Structures are given as structure tokens and as C-alpha cells.
């Protein structure tokens, strides 16, 4: 009996994403991007991560994700793919299916501002293209914009490497 229960529990944990409940990481992304969720409305939910620390206006459904890129590159590495696979599943969920989103690329202050602007645009476009190509997100539902170092999450001096500023922010634009 004990083996059967343990085996059943393992089978439930390993079930494909479409076979039942969403993975916890995907559910947290949905909570951050759904305007109707308690997290978005500013109600602290103990089980929810702090993905809502963003530069979006208060009350806007948005999340910040750490999507790692090689220095000066817009190529997606394995860790970035893992993060973006979760985002792709979240955007494909029934709760978010009727919304449009803006993918914002952000950089830190290392390097010339003009270079950071172009790099952030390339990275936002790479994320958008990945979501469309790999997860079938309708191109009309997702736009990409690079904001360079113009909206720092953590205020820093020029030429300061701050990983929290090198991020992708996803903002719900409504239906």
C-alpha cells in the first residue's frame, strides 16, 4: 500500500502541465499577470513570490523576470529557456488567454546608454520571438520594447553592474 501511494504521488508530480494543475512557478507567473488576482491588487498572499517588484505603475499587472543572457548578447541560454518556458505556459493559460502583453527589456548602467538601449531592444525581441515560436503565443498578443537603462529597478550610479536591473518585465496591457 505504501509503495502504491508513493508511486501515485510521484506520478502526480510528474504529470505534464496540461494534465491538471499548473506547476507552482507557472501559477505564480499567472498570479502576477492576472489583473484580478489578489497579488496584483496589492493583497499579500503568503505563498506568492515577490515577482511584482516592478517599475510598472501601481495596480498594473506586471512581473519582473531574470532572463540571463551572455554579456552583450541577445542569445537565450538554458536557464533563460527554463524561465521563458514557464512564462510561455502562463501566457497560454485560460486565465491569461484574453490579454495582451508588453515584454520590456531592461539593462543596468554598464556601458554607453545608446548601446544598452539597442541591447535591451534585441533582448525583448528575442523573448517575444521565443514565446511565439516555441509556445505558439499569437503575435498580436505580445509586443516587445527595449527600455535600456531608463527604468532601473534599483537606482545605481553609471557603470554599476546591478543584476536586478538586467531583467525582462512583462506587463499586462489588458484585453
N, C-alpha and C. Protein backbone atom coordinates (compact mmCIF):
# COMPACT_ATOMS: atom_id res chain seq x y z
N UNK A 1 0.82 -1.19 0.00
CA UNK A 1 0.00 0.00 0.00
C UNK A 1 0.87 1.26 0.00
N UNK A 2 1.88 1.28 0.83
CA UNK A 2 2.76 2.44 0.93
C UNK A 2 3.45 2.71 -0.41
N UNK A 3 3.95 1.66 -1.07
CA UNK A 3 4.59 1.84 -2.37
C UNK A 3 3.61 2.40 -3.40
N UNK A 4 2.41 1.91 -3.39
CA UNK A 4 1.40 2.38 -4.33
C UNK A 4 1.13 3.86 -4.13
N UNK A 5 0.96 4.28 -2.88
CA UNK A 5 0.70 5.70 -2.61
C UNK A 5 1.89 6.56 -3.01
N UNK A 6 3.08 6.10 -2.70
CA UNK A 6 4.27 6.88 -3.07
C UNK A 6 4.36 6.97 -4.58
N UNK A 7 4.10 5.85 -5.27
CA UNK A 7 4.15 5.86 -6.72
C UNK A 7 3.10 6.78 -7.31
N UNK A 8 1.92 6.80 -6.71
CA UNK A 8 0.85 7.67 -7.17
C UNK A 8 1.24 9.13 -6.97
N UNK A 9 1.81 9.44 -5.82
CA UNK A 9 2.25 10.81 -5.56
C UNK A 9 3.29 11.26 -6.57
N UNK A 10 4.22 10.39 -6.90
CA UNK A 10 5.25 10.72 -7.87
C UNK A 10 4.62 10.94 -9.24
N UNK A 11 3.67 10.10 -9.60
CA UNK A 11 3.01 10.25 -10.90
C UNK A 11 2.29 11.60 -10.98
N UNK A 12 1.68 12.02 -9.89
CA UNK A 12 1.00 13.30 -9.90
C UNK A 12 1.99 14.45 -10.05
N UNK A 13 3.12 14.36 -9.41
CA UNK A 13 4.12 15.42 -9.51
C UNK A 13 4.72 15.50 -10.90
N UNK A 14 4.82 14.39 -11.58
CA UNK A 14 5.47 14.38 -12.89
C UNK A 14 4.48 14.49 -14.05
N UNK A 15 3.21 14.67 -13.76
CA UNK A 15 2.21 14.78 -14.83
C UNK A 15 2.52 15.98 -15.70
N UNK A 16 2.28 15.89 -17.03
CA UNK A 16 2.50 17.02 -17.93
C UNK A 16 1.67 18.22 -17.51
N UNK A 17 2.14 19.42 -17.86
CA UNK A 17 1.48 20.65 -17.44
C UNK A 17 0.01 20.69 -17.83
N UNK A 18 -0.36 20.17 -18.97
CA UNK A 18 -1.75 20.22 -19.39
C UNK A 18 -2.62 19.17 -18.72
N UNK A 19 -2.04 18.27 -17.93
CA UNK A 19 -2.79 17.16 -17.37
C UNK A 19 -3.48 17.50 -16.06
N UNK A 20 -3.40 18.69 -15.57
CA UNK A 20 -4.03 19.04 -14.30
C UNK A 20 -3.58 20.40 -13.86
N UNK A 21 -3.21 20.50 -12.61
CA UNK A 21 -2.78 21.79 -12.06
C UNK A 21 -1.49 22.26 -12.71
N UNK A 22 -1.34 23.58 -12.77
CA UNK A 22 -0.12 24.18 -13.31
C UNK A 22 1.04 23.96 -12.34
N UNK A 23 2.26 23.96 -12.84
CA UNK A 23 3.43 23.92 -11.99
C UNK A 23 3.43 25.16 -11.11
N UNK A 24 3.95 25.08 -9.90
CA UNK A 24 3.93 26.25 -8.99
C UNK A 24 4.55 27.50 -9.62
N UNK A 25 5.64 27.35 -10.37
CA UNK A 25 6.29 28.51 -10.98
C UNK A 25 5.36 29.17 -11.99
N UNK A 26 4.64 28.36 -12.76
CA UNK A 26 3.72 28.88 -13.76
C UNK A 26 2.55 29.57 -13.07
N UNK A 27 2.03 28.96 -12.03
CA UNK A 27 0.90 29.55 -11.30
C UNK A 27 1.29 30.90 -10.70
N UNK A 28 2.52 31.02 -10.21
CA UNK A 28 2.97 32.31 -9.65
C UNK A 28 3.04 33.38 -10.74
N UNK A 29 3.48 33.00 -11.93
CA UNK A 29 3.51 33.96 -13.04
C UNK A 29 2.10 34.40 -13.42
N UNK A 30 1.19 33.45 -13.45
CA UNK A 30 -0.21 33.78 -13.76
C UNK A 30 -0.75 34.75 -12.71
N UNK A 31 -0.49 34.49 -11.44
CA UNK A 31 -0.96 35.38 -10.37
C UNK A 31 -0.44 36.80 -10.56
N UNK A 32 0.81 36.94 -10.95
CA UNK A 32 1.40 38.27 -11.14
C UNK A 32 0.88 39.00 -12.36
N UNK A 33 0.41 38.26 -13.37
CA UNK A 33 -0.03 38.87 -14.62
C UNK A 33 -1.55 38.99 -14.75
N UNK A 34 -2.28 38.38 -13.84
CA UNK A 34 -3.74 38.42 -13.89
C UNK A 34 -4.24 39.64 -13.11
N UNK A 35 -4.87 40.61 -13.77
CA UNK A 35 -5.34 41.80 -13.07
C UNK A 35 -6.34 41.50 -11.96
N UNK A 36 -7.00 40.35 -12.01
CA UNK A 36 -8.00 40.01 -10.99
C UNK A 36 -7.39 39.30 -9.79
N UNK A 37 -6.11 38.96 -9.82
CA UNK A 37 -5.54 38.20 -8.71
C UNK A 37 -5.28 39.09 -7.50
N UNK A 38 -5.30 38.50 -6.30
CA UNK A 38 -5.01 39.26 -5.09
C UNK A 38 -3.61 39.89 -5.11
N UNK A 39 -2.65 39.19 -5.71
CA UNK A 39 -1.27 39.70 -5.77
C UNK A 39 -1.24 41.02 -6.53
N UNK A 40 -1.89 41.07 -7.67
CA UNK A 40 -1.90 42.27 -8.50
C UNK A 40 -2.62 43.42 -7.80
N UNK A 41 -3.66 43.10 -7.05
CA UNK A 41 -4.42 44.13 -6.35
C UNK A 41 -3.73 44.60 -5.07
N UNK A 42 -2.51 44.12 -4.82
CA UNK A 42 -1.74 44.58 -3.68
C UNK A 42 -2.00 43.84 -2.39
N UNK A 43 -2.76 42.76 -2.45
CA UNK A 43 -3.04 41.95 -1.26
C UNK A 43 -1.91 40.93 -1.13
N UNK A 44 -1.25 40.91 -0.01
CA UNK A 44 -0.12 40.00 0.18
C UNK A 44 -0.61 38.58 0.37
N UNK A 45 -0.18 37.70 -0.49
CA UNK A 45 -0.54 36.30 -0.41
C UNK A 45 0.72 35.55 0.02
N UNK A 46 0.69 34.88 1.20
CA UNK A 46 1.90 34.26 1.74
C UNK A 46 2.63 33.33 0.77
N UNK A 47 1.89 32.56 -0.03
CA UNK A 47 2.55 31.59 -0.91
C UNK A 47 3.08 32.22 -2.19
N UNK A 48 2.76 33.48 -2.44
CA UNK A 48 3.15 34.11 -3.69
C UNK A 48 4.56 34.68 -3.60
N UNK A 49 5.37 34.55 -4.65
CA UNK A 49 6.71 35.13 -4.64
C UNK A 49 6.62 36.62 -4.90
N UNK A 50 7.69 37.32 -4.67
CA UNK A 50 7.69 38.76 -4.93
C UNK A 50 8.16 39.01 -6.36
N UNK A 51 7.33 38.61 -7.32
CA UNK A 51 7.61 38.89 -8.72
C UNK A 51 7.07 40.26 -9.10
N UNK A 52 6.30 40.86 -8.18
CA UNK A 52 5.60 42.10 -8.50
C UNK A 52 6.43 43.34 -8.21
N UNK A 53 7.68 43.18 -7.83
CA UNK A 53 8.55 44.33 -7.68
C UNK A 53 8.97 44.73 -9.09
N UNK A 54 8.26 45.73 -9.62
CA UNK A 54 8.47 46.15 -11.00
C UNK A 54 8.53 47.67 -11.06
N UNK A 55 8.76 48.18 -12.24
CA UNK A 55 8.70 49.63 -12.47
C UNK A 55 7.40 50.00 -13.16
N UNK A 56 6.45 49.06 -13.23
CA UNK A 56 5.13 49.34 -13.82
C UNK A 56 4.34 50.23 -12.85
N UNK A 57 3.40 51.00 -13.37
CA UNK A 57 2.58 51.84 -12.50
C UNK A 57 1.84 51.00 -11.46
N UNK A 58 1.61 51.54 -10.26
CA UNK A 58 0.88 50.79 -9.21
C UNK A 58 -0.46 50.30 -9.74
N UNK A 59 -0.82 49.08 -9.35
CA UNK A 59 -2.08 48.49 -9.78
C UNK A 59 -2.03 47.82 -11.13
N UNK A 60 -0.89 47.91 -11.83
CA UNK A 60 -0.74 47.27 -13.14
C UNK A 60 -0.26 45.84 -12.93
N UNK A 61 -0.89 44.90 -13.60
CA UNK A 61 -0.46 43.51 -13.53
C UNK A 61 0.85 43.38 -14.30
N UNK A 62 1.93 43.12 -13.59
CA UNK A 62 3.25 43.03 -14.22
C UNK A 62 4.16 42.17 -13.36
N UNK A 63 5.16 41.57 -13.98
CA UNK A 63 6.16 40.79 -13.28
C UNK A 63 7.54 41.12 -13.82
N UNK A 64 8.55 40.97 -12.99
CA UNK A 64 9.93 41.08 -13.43
C UNK A 64 10.56 39.69 -13.37
N UNK A 65 11.22 39.31 -14.44
CA UNK A 65 11.88 38.01 -14.51
C UNK A 65 13.36 38.21 -14.78
N UNK A 66 14.17 37.38 -14.17
CA UNK A 66 15.58 37.36 -14.50
C UNK A 66 15.77 36.39 -15.65
N UNK A 67 16.03 36.94 -16.82
CA UNK A 67 16.29 36.14 -18.01
C UNK A 67 17.75 36.38 -18.35
N UNK A 68 18.56 35.36 -18.17
CA UNK A 68 20.00 35.53 -18.33
C UNK A 68 20.42 35.47 -19.79
N UNK A 69 21.27 36.41 -20.16
CA UNK A 69 21.87 36.47 -21.48
C UNK A 69 23.37 36.57 -21.29
N UNK A 70 24.13 36.06 -22.24
CA UNK A 70 25.57 36.28 -22.22
C UNK A 70 25.81 37.78 -22.37
N UNK A 71 26.89 38.27 -21.80
CA UNK A 71 27.20 39.69 -21.84
C UNK A 71 27.20 40.20 -23.28
N UNK A 72 26.44 41.27 -23.52
CA UNK A 72 26.38 41.88 -24.84
C UNK A 72 25.63 41.07 -25.88
N UNK A 73 24.88 40.05 -25.46
CA UNK A 73 24.23 39.14 -26.39
C UNK A 73 22.72 39.11 -26.15
N UNK A 74 21.98 38.72 -27.19
CA UNK A 74 20.55 38.50 -27.06
C UNK A 74 20.22 37.01 -27.19
N UNK A 75 21.25 36.16 -27.17
CA UNK A 75 21.04 34.71 -27.25
C UNK A 75 20.54 34.16 -25.93
N UNK A 76 19.59 33.24 -26.00
CA UNK A 76 19.00 32.64 -24.80
C UNK A 76 19.76 31.39 -24.40
N UNK A 77 20.23 31.36 -23.16
CA UNK A 77 20.90 30.19 -22.63
C UNK A 77 19.89 29.24 -21.99
N UNK A 78 20.37 28.10 -21.48
CA UNK A 78 19.47 27.08 -20.91
C UNK A 78 18.62 27.61 -19.74
N UNK A 79 19.18 28.40 -18.87
CA UNK A 79 18.40 28.94 -17.74
C UNK A 79 17.34 29.91 -18.24
N UNK A 80 17.66 30.72 -19.23
CA UNK A 80 16.68 31.64 -19.81
C UNK A 80 15.54 30.85 -20.45
N UNK A 81 15.85 29.77 -21.12
CA UNK A 81 14.83 28.94 -21.76
C UNK A 81 13.89 28.37 -20.70
N UNK A 82 14.43 27.92 -19.57
CA UNK A 82 13.60 27.37 -18.49
C UNK A 82 12.62 28.43 -17.98
N UNK A 83 13.13 29.63 -17.72
CA UNK A 83 12.28 30.71 -17.23
C UNK A 83 11.21 31.06 -18.26
N UNK A 84 11.61 31.15 -19.52
CA UNK A 84 10.67 31.54 -20.58
C UNK A 84 9.68 30.43 -20.92
N UNK A 85 10.06 29.17 -20.70
CA UNK A 85 9.09 28.09 -20.88
C UNK A 85 7.96 28.24 -19.86
N UNK A 86 8.30 28.59 -18.62
CA UNK A 86 7.27 28.84 -17.61
C UNK A 86 6.38 30.01 -18.02
N UNK A 87 6.99 31.08 -18.51
CA UNK A 87 6.22 32.23 -18.96
C UNK A 87 5.31 31.85 -20.12
N UNK A 88 5.83 31.09 -21.07
CA UNK A 88 5.02 30.65 -22.21
C UNK A 88 3.81 29.84 -21.77
N UNK A 89 3.99 28.97 -20.78
CA UNK A 89 2.86 28.19 -20.25
C UNK A 89 1.86 29.12 -19.57
N UNK A 90 2.35 30.11 -18.84
CA UNK A 90 1.46 31.04 -18.16
C UNK A 90 0.65 31.84 -19.17
N UNK A 91 1.30 32.35 -20.22
CA UNK A 91 0.59 33.14 -21.23
C UNK A 91 -0.43 32.30 -21.98
N UNK A 92 -0.21 31.00 -22.05
CA UNK A 92 -1.13 30.10 -22.72
C UNK A 92 -2.27 29.62 -21.82
N UNK A 93 -2.27 30.01 -20.56
CA UNK A 93 -3.30 29.57 -19.63
C UNK A 93 -4.64 30.22 -19.93
N UNK A 94 -5.71 29.59 -19.51
CA UNK A 94 -7.06 30.12 -19.73
C UNK A 94 -7.24 31.47 -19.05
N UNK A 95 -6.62 31.67 -17.89
CA UNK A 95 -6.77 32.94 -17.15
C UNK A 95 -6.16 34.12 -17.88
N UNK A 96 -5.15 33.89 -18.70
CA UNK A 96 -4.47 34.99 -19.38
C UNK A 96 -4.73 35.04 -20.88
N UNK A 97 -5.53 34.11 -21.38
CA UNK A 97 -5.73 33.98 -22.83
C UNK A 97 -6.34 35.20 -23.49
N UNK A 98 -7.09 36.00 -22.77
CA UNK A 98 -7.76 37.15 -23.40
C UNK A 98 -6.96 38.44 -23.30
N UNK A 99 -5.75 38.38 -22.75
CA UNK A 99 -4.96 39.60 -22.53
C UNK A 99 -3.83 39.75 -23.54
N UNK A 100 -3.41 41.00 -23.71
CA UNK A 100 -2.22 41.34 -24.49
C UNK A 100 -1.12 41.73 -23.50
N UNK A 101 0.16 41.55 -23.92
CA UNK A 101 1.29 41.81 -23.03
C UNK A 101 2.40 42.58 -23.73
N UNK A 102 3.14 43.34 -22.94
CA UNK A 102 4.34 44.01 -23.41
C UNK A 102 5.53 43.37 -22.71
N UNK A 103 6.49 42.91 -23.49
CA UNK A 103 7.75 42.39 -22.96
C UNK A 103 8.75 43.53 -23.02
N UNK A 104 9.23 43.93 -21.86
CA UNK A 104 10.19 45.04 -21.77
C UNK A 104 11.58 44.50 -21.44
N UNK A 105 12.56 44.91 -22.23
CA UNK A 105 13.95 44.58 -21.93
C UNK A 105 14.57 45.73 -21.15
N UNK A 106 15.29 45.39 -20.07
CA UNK A 106 15.95 46.39 -19.23
C UNK A 106 17.41 46.00 -19.04
N UNK A 107 18.27 46.99 -18.88
CA UNK A 107 19.70 46.74 -18.64
C UNK A 107 20.15 47.49 -17.38
N UNK A 108 21.39 47.21 -16.99
CA UNK A 108 21.98 48.01 -15.93
C UNK A 108 22.69 49.20 -16.57
N UNK A 109 23.54 49.89 -15.83
CA UNK A 109 24.16 51.12 -16.34
C UNK A 109 25.58 50.93 -16.86
N UNK A 110 26.00 49.68 -17.01
CA UNK A 110 27.35 49.42 -17.53
C UNK A 110 27.33 49.60 -19.04
N UNK A 111 28.23 50.44 -19.54
CA UNK A 111 28.31 50.70 -20.97
C UNK A 111 27.54 51.94 -21.36
N UNK A 112 27.71 52.37 -22.61
CA UNK A 112 27.01 53.56 -23.09
C UNK A 112 25.50 53.34 -23.14
N UNK A 113 24.74 54.38 -22.81
CA UNK A 113 23.28 54.29 -22.78
C UNK A 113 22.72 53.86 -24.14
N UNK A 114 23.28 54.37 -25.22
CA UNK A 114 22.79 54.02 -26.56
C UNK A 114 22.98 52.53 -26.84
N UNK A 115 24.11 51.98 -26.42
CA UNK A 115 24.37 50.56 -26.60
C UNK A 115 23.38 49.73 -25.77
N UNK A 116 23.12 50.16 -24.53
CA UNK A 116 22.18 49.46 -23.67
C UNK A 116 20.77 49.50 -24.24
N UNK A 117 20.41 50.61 -24.86
CA UNK A 117 19.09 50.72 -25.48
C UNK A 117 18.92 49.68 -26.59
N UNK A 118 19.89 49.62 -27.48
CA UNK A 118 19.83 48.66 -28.59
C UNK A 118 19.84 47.23 -28.06
N UNK A 119 20.67 46.95 -27.07
CA UNK A 119 20.75 45.61 -26.49
C UNK A 119 19.42 45.23 -25.86
N UNK A 120 18.80 46.14 -25.14
CA UNK A 120 17.51 45.83 -24.50
C UNK A 120 16.43 45.56 -25.55
N UNK A 121 16.47 46.26 -26.66
CA UNK A 121 15.51 46.03 -27.75
C UNK A 121 15.71 44.63 -28.34
N UNK A 122 16.97 44.26 -28.58
CA UNK A 122 17.27 42.94 -29.13
C UNK A 122 16.83 41.83 -28.18
N UNK A 123 17.06 42.02 -26.89
CA UNK A 123 16.69 41.01 -25.91
C UNK A 123 15.17 40.88 -25.78
N UNK A 124 14.46 41.99 -25.75
CA UNK A 124 12.99 41.94 -25.69
C UNK A 124 12.44 41.23 -26.92
N UNK A 125 13.00 41.53 -28.08
CA UNK A 125 12.57 40.87 -29.33
C UNK A 125 12.87 39.38 -29.29
N UNK A 126 14.01 38.99 -28.72
CA UNK A 126 14.36 37.57 -28.62
C UNK A 126 13.36 36.83 -27.73
N UNK A 127 12.94 37.46 -26.64
CA UNK A 127 11.96 36.84 -25.75
C UNK A 127 10.62 36.71 -26.47
N UNK A 128 10.19 37.77 -27.13
CA UNK A 128 8.93 37.73 -27.88
C UNK A 128 8.96 36.63 -28.93
N UNK A 129 10.02 36.59 -29.71
CA UNK A 129 10.15 35.58 -30.76
C UNK A 129 10.12 34.16 -30.19
N UNK A 130 10.79 33.97 -29.07
CA UNK A 130 10.81 32.65 -28.40
C UNK A 130 9.39 32.24 -28.01
N UNK A 131 8.65 33.16 -27.40
CA UNK A 131 7.29 32.85 -26.94
C UNK A 131 6.36 32.54 -28.12
N UNK A 132 6.54 33.22 -29.21
CA UNK A 132 5.72 32.98 -30.40
C UNK A 132 6.09 31.64 -31.02
N UNK A 133 7.38 31.43 -31.22
CA UNK A 133 7.87 30.24 -31.92
C UNK A 133 7.67 28.96 -31.08
N UNK A 134 8.06 28.99 -29.83
CA UNK A 134 8.05 27.77 -29.02
C UNK A 134 6.72 27.50 -28.33
N UNK A 135 5.98 28.56 -28.00
CA UNK A 135 4.75 28.37 -27.23
C UNK A 135 3.50 28.78 -28.00
N UNK A 136 3.66 29.19 -29.24
CA UNK A 136 2.51 29.50 -30.06
C UNK A 136 1.71 30.71 -29.61
N UNK A 137 2.35 31.63 -28.88
CA UNK A 137 1.65 32.84 -28.47
C UNK A 137 1.35 33.65 -29.73
N UNK A 138 0.11 34.08 -29.86
CA UNK A 138 -0.31 34.87 -31.01
C UNK A 138 0.51 36.16 -31.05
N UNK A 139 1.18 36.47 -32.16
CA UNK A 139 1.99 37.69 -32.25
C UNK A 139 1.20 38.97 -31.93
N UNK A 140 -0.10 38.94 -32.17
CA UNK A 140 -0.92 40.12 -31.87
C UNK A 140 -1.10 40.33 -30.36
N UNK A 141 -0.79 39.31 -29.56
CA UNK A 141 -0.95 39.40 -28.10
C UNK A 141 0.30 39.89 -27.38
N UNK A 142 1.41 40.03 -28.11
CA UNK A 142 2.65 40.33 -27.40
C UNK A 142 3.51 41.30 -28.21
N UNK A 143 3.92 42.36 -27.56
CA UNK A 143 4.81 43.34 -28.20
C UNK A 143 6.10 43.40 -27.40
N UNK A 144 7.15 43.81 -28.06
CA UNK A 144 8.46 43.91 -27.42
C UNK A 144 8.94 45.35 -27.47
N UNK A 145 9.52 45.80 -26.38
CA UNK A 145 10.08 47.14 -26.31
C UNK A 145 11.34 47.09 -25.44
N UNK A 146 12.37 47.80 -25.88
CA UNK A 146 13.59 47.91 -25.09
C UNK A 146 13.60 49.25 -24.37
N UNK A 147 13.90 49.22 -23.10
CA UNK A 147 13.95 50.45 -22.30
C UNK A 147 15.34 50.75 -21.79
N UNK A 148 16.31 49.93 -22.18
CA UNK A 148 17.70 50.20 -21.79
C UNK A 148 17.84 50.38 -20.30
N UNK A 149 18.50 51.47 -19.93
CA UNK A 149 18.74 51.77 -18.52
C UNK A 149 17.84 52.89 -18.01
N UNK A 150 16.71 53.13 -18.71
CA UNK A 150 15.84 54.26 -18.36
C UNK A 150 14.91 54.01 -17.19
N UNK A 151 14.65 52.75 -16.85
CA UNK A 151 13.75 52.43 -15.74
C UNK A 151 14.41 51.41 -14.82
N UNK A 152 15.39 51.87 -14.09
CA UNK A 152 16.13 50.98 -13.19
C UNK A 152 15.24 50.52 -12.05
N UNK A 153 15.32 49.24 -11.74
CA UNK A 153 14.61 48.70 -10.59
C UNK A 153 15.32 49.11 -9.31
N UNK A 154 16.66 49.16 -9.39
CA UNK A 154 17.50 49.57 -8.27
C UNK A 154 18.34 50.75 -8.74
N UNK A 155 18.16 51.91 -8.12
CA UNK A 155 18.91 53.10 -8.52
C UNK A 155 20.40 52.87 -8.30
N UNK A 156 21.19 53.15 -9.34
CA UNK A 156 22.65 52.99 -9.25
C UNK A 156 23.33 54.13 -10.00
N UNK A 157 24.60 54.28 -9.73
CA UNK A 157 25.44 55.22 -10.47
C UNK A 157 25.76 54.63 -11.84
N UNK A 158 26.22 55.45 -12.77
CA UNK A 158 26.67 54.96 -14.06
C UNK A 158 27.78 53.93 -13.87
N UNK A 159 27.84 53.00 -14.80
CA UNK A 159 28.86 51.94 -14.83
C UNK A 159 28.78 51.01 -13.62
N UNK A 160 27.58 50.82 -13.08
CA UNK A 160 27.38 49.92 -11.95
C UNK A 160 26.68 48.66 -12.42
N UNK A 161 27.34 47.53 -12.24
CA UNK A 161 26.74 46.24 -12.59
C UNK A 161 25.75 45.86 -11.49
N UNK A 162 24.48 45.87 -11.82
CA UNK A 162 23.43 45.51 -10.85
C UNK A 162 22.52 44.48 -11.52
N UNK A 163 22.67 43.20 -11.13
CA UNK A 163 21.90 42.14 -11.78
C UNK A 163 20.38 42.35 -11.73
N UNK A 164 19.87 42.96 -10.68
CA UNK A 164 18.42 43.16 -10.58
C UNK A 164 17.90 44.13 -11.64
N UNK A 165 18.77 44.95 -12.20
CA UNK A 165 18.36 45.85 -13.28
C UNK A 165 18.37 45.17 -14.65
N UNK A 166 19.11 44.09 -14.77
CA UNK A 166 19.15 43.34 -16.04
C UNK A 166 18.02 42.32 -16.01
N UNK A 167 16.88 42.72 -16.54
CA UNK A 167 15.70 41.89 -16.39
C UNK A 167 14.77 42.05 -17.58
N UNK A 168 13.79 41.18 -17.62
CA UNK A 168 12.68 41.30 -18.55
C UNK A 168 11.45 41.54 -17.70
N UNK A 169 10.73 42.57 -18.02
CA UNK A 169 9.49 42.87 -17.32
C UNK A 169 8.34 42.58 -18.28
N UNK A 170 7.32 41.91 -17.80
CA UNK A 170 6.16 41.60 -18.61
C UNK A 170 4.98 42.35 -18.01
N UNK A 171 4.30 43.14 -18.84
CA UNK A 171 3.21 43.99 -18.38
C UNK A 171 1.93 43.58 -19.11
N UNK A 172 0.87 43.42 -18.34
CA UNK A 172 -0.45 43.11 -18.91
C UNK A 172 -1.02 44.39 -19.46
N UNK A 173 -1.34 44.42 -20.76
CA UNK A 173 -1.90 45.62 -21.43
C UNK A 173 -3.42 45.61 -21.49
N UNK A 174 -4.03 44.58 -20.96
CA UNK A 174 -5.48 44.48 -20.99
C UNK A 174 -5.95 43.62 -22.14
N UNK A 175 -7.26 43.56 -22.31
CA UNK A 175 -7.87 42.68 -23.31
C UNK A 175 -7.96 43.27 -24.68
